[in-house]
Amino acid sequence: MRNLKSRARRIVVVTGGVLAILGAAALPANASVHDYNNINNRDVSDGSTVVHLYHKVDADHLASYAYVKSGSKGVQARAKCARRNGETHWYESTIYVKAGGGSSHYDCDNNGTFNYALVGMGVDIH
């Protein structure tokens, strides 16, 4: 009976350890989000990684852009898009880039009802 309890305890401990490792692996490493409720162009740093955020707002295009100026981390651009009624929502680009890999961008103008204005820019660095 004692052996059975000891064995069951070991199985629980090992299973818990495996689940903890799997949970940690599912999280993005060193993810940091920098969001700004305006569209001023700026540089954002995370350690040695420097990212330039800039926007394009004209009659045809409402977009937030991000490119990596230096460092080894990658980025995804974020954009805060607005509806005509003033409601806003943050969206993240599916485009992931590293230094030398072009720019990531998110277009508000192609975003259903949240296509009235670009009101904020951000970047997810990981």
Protein backbone atom coordinates (compact mmCIF):
# COMPACT_ATOMS: atom_id res chain seq x y z
CA MET A 1 0.00 0.00 0.00
CA ARG A 2 2.83 2.36 0.91
CA ASN A 3 4.54 1.65 -2.45
CA LEU A 4 1.30 2.43 -4.29
CA LYS A 5 0.92 5.81 -2.53
CA SER A 6 4.56 6.68 -3.19
CA ARG A 7 4.22 5.74 -6.84
CA ALA A 8 1.00 7.78 -7.22
CA ARG A 9 2.71 10.79 -5.61
CA ARG A 10 5.64 10.55 -8.08
CA ILE A 11 3.23 10.35 -11.04
CA VAL A 12 1.43 13.49 -9.84
CA VAL A 13 4.74 15.38 -9.40
CA VAL A 14 6.06 14.31 -12.82
CA THR A 15 2.75 15.12 -14.54
CA GLY A 16 2.69 18.56 -12.89
CA GLY A 17 6.25 19.23 -14.03
CA VAL A 18 5.45 18.24 -17.61
CA LEU A 19 2.36 20.47 -17.67
CA ALA A 20 4.38 23.41 -16.30
CA ILE A 21 7.02 22.98 -19.02
CA LEU A 22 4.38 22.74 -21.76
CA GLY A 23 2.62 25.86 -20.44
CA ALA A 24 5.86 27.85 -20.40
CA ALA A 25 6.70 26.72 -23.95
CA ALA A 26 3.34 28.02 -25.20
CA LEU A 27 4.06 31.58 -24.02
CA PRO A 28 6.01 33.86 -26.37
CA ALA A 29 9.53 34.43 -25.09
CA ASN A 30 10.32 37.97 -23.96
CA ALA A 31 7.14 39.44 -25.46
CA SER A 32 6.67 43.12 -24.75
CA VAL A 33 3.93 45.30 -26.14
CA HIS A 34 4.40 49.04 -26.57
CA ASP A 35 1.13 50.86 -27.38
CA TYR A 36 0.67 54.59 -27.89
CA ASN A 37 -2.67 56.38 -28.12
CA ASN A 38 -1.40 58.67 -30.87
CA ILE A 39 0.29 58.30 -34.23
CA ASN A 40 3.55 60.17 -33.63
CA ASN A 41 6.45 58.44 -35.33
CA ARG A 42 8.96 57.15 -32.78
CA ASP A 43 11.69 54.67 -31.96
CA VAL A 44 10.96 52.00 -29.35
CA SER A 45 13.63 49.91 -27.58
CA ASP A 46 13.55 46.56 -25.89
CA GLY A 47 17.04 45.65 -24.74
CA SER A 48 19.33 45.96 -27.76
CA THR A 49 16.44 45.80 -30.23
CA VAL A 50 15.40 49.19 -31.63
CA VAL A 51 12.17 49.44 -33.62
CA HIS A 52 10.95 52.40 -35.66
CA LEU A 53 7.18 52.98 -35.63
CA TYR A 54 5.70 55.17 -38.33
CA HIS A 55 2.33 55.71 -39.93
CA LYS A 56 0.73 56.42 -43.26
CA VAL A 57 -2.51 58.37 -43.19
CA ASP A 58 -3.91 59.79 -46.40
CA ALA A 59 -7.06 59.60 -48.50
CA ASP A 60 -6.36 55.97 -49.47
CA HIS A 61 -4.47 54.48 -46.54
CA LEU A 62 -4.59 54.28 -42.73
CA ALA A 63 -1.75 52.09 -41.50
CA SER A 64 0.74 51.56 -38.70
CA TYR A 65 4.20 50.30 -39.68
CA ALA A 66 7.12 48.88 -37.68
CA TYR A 67 10.61 47.88 -38.76
CA VAL A 68 13.58 46.66 -36.75
CA LYS A 69 16.51 49.06 -36.97
CA SER A 70 18.84 46.88 -34.89
CA GLY A 71 18.89 43.90 -32.57
CA SER A 72 17.89 40.26 -32.82
CA LYS A 73 14.25 40.28 -31.73
CA GLY A 74 11.34 40.34 -34.15
CA VAL A 75 8.25 42.52 -34.20
CA GLN A 76 4.62 42.70 -35.19
CA ALA A 77 3.02 46.10 -35.78
CA ARG A 78 -0.07 47.07 -33.81
CA ALA A 79 -2.71 49.61 -34.77
CA LYS A 80 -5.53 51.21 -32.82
CA CYS A 81 -8.35 51.56 -35.33
CA ALA A 82 -11.52 53.61 -34.87
CA ARG A 83 -15.10 53.43 -36.03
CA ARG A 84 -16.97 56.53 -37.15
CA ASN A 85 -18.75 56.60 -33.75
CA GLY A 86 -15.41 56.88 -31.90
CA GLU A 87 -15.20 53.29 -30.66
CA THR A 88 -11.65 51.93 -30.94
CA HIS A 89 -9.89 48.58 -30.84
CA TRP A 90 -6.25 47.41 -30.97
CA TYR A 91 -5.27 44.99 -33.75
CA GLU A 92 -1.98 43.19 -34.36
CA SER A 93 -0.41 42.42 -37.71
CA THR A 94 0.17 38.80 -38.65
CA ILE A 95 3.41 39.92 -40.35
CA TYR A 96 6.46 39.11 -38.17
CA VAL A 97 9.79 40.67 -39.19
CA LYS A 98 13.34 40.87 -37.88
CA ALA A 99 16.11 43.32 -38.70
CA GLY A 100 16.65 43.50 -42.46
CA GLY A 101 13.34 41.77 -43.12
CA GLY A 102 11.20 44.68 -44.30
CA SER A 103 8.37 46.12 -42.25
CA SER A 104 5.35 44.74 -40.46
CA HIS A 105 2.14 46.71 -40.89
CA TYR A 106 -1.53 46.76 -40.03
CA ASP A 107 -4.08 48.50 -42.27
CA CYS A 108 -7.12 50.02 -40.54
CA ASP A 109 -8.68 51.00 -43.86
CA ASN A 110 -9.27 47.33 -44.76
CA ASN A 111 -10.77 46.50 -41.37
CA GLY A 112 -14.56 46.26 -41.64
CA THR A 113 -16.28 48.80 -39.42
CA PHE A 114 -13.05 49.86 -37.65
CA ASN A 115 -11.89 51.62 -40.80
CA TYR A 116 -12.59 55.29 -40.04
CA ALA A 117 -9.27 56.36 -38.48
CA LEU A 118 -5.88 55.25 -37.19
CA VAL A 119 -5.66 56.69 -33.67
CA GLY A 120 -2.79 54.75 -32.11
CA MET A 121 0.35 52.82 -33.00
CA GLY A 122 2.20 50.07 -31.23
CA VAL A 123 4.53 47.15 -31.59
CA ASP A 124 4.82 43.69 -30.08
CA ILE A 125 8.51 42.83 -29.68
CA HIS A 126 9.49 39.18 -29.13
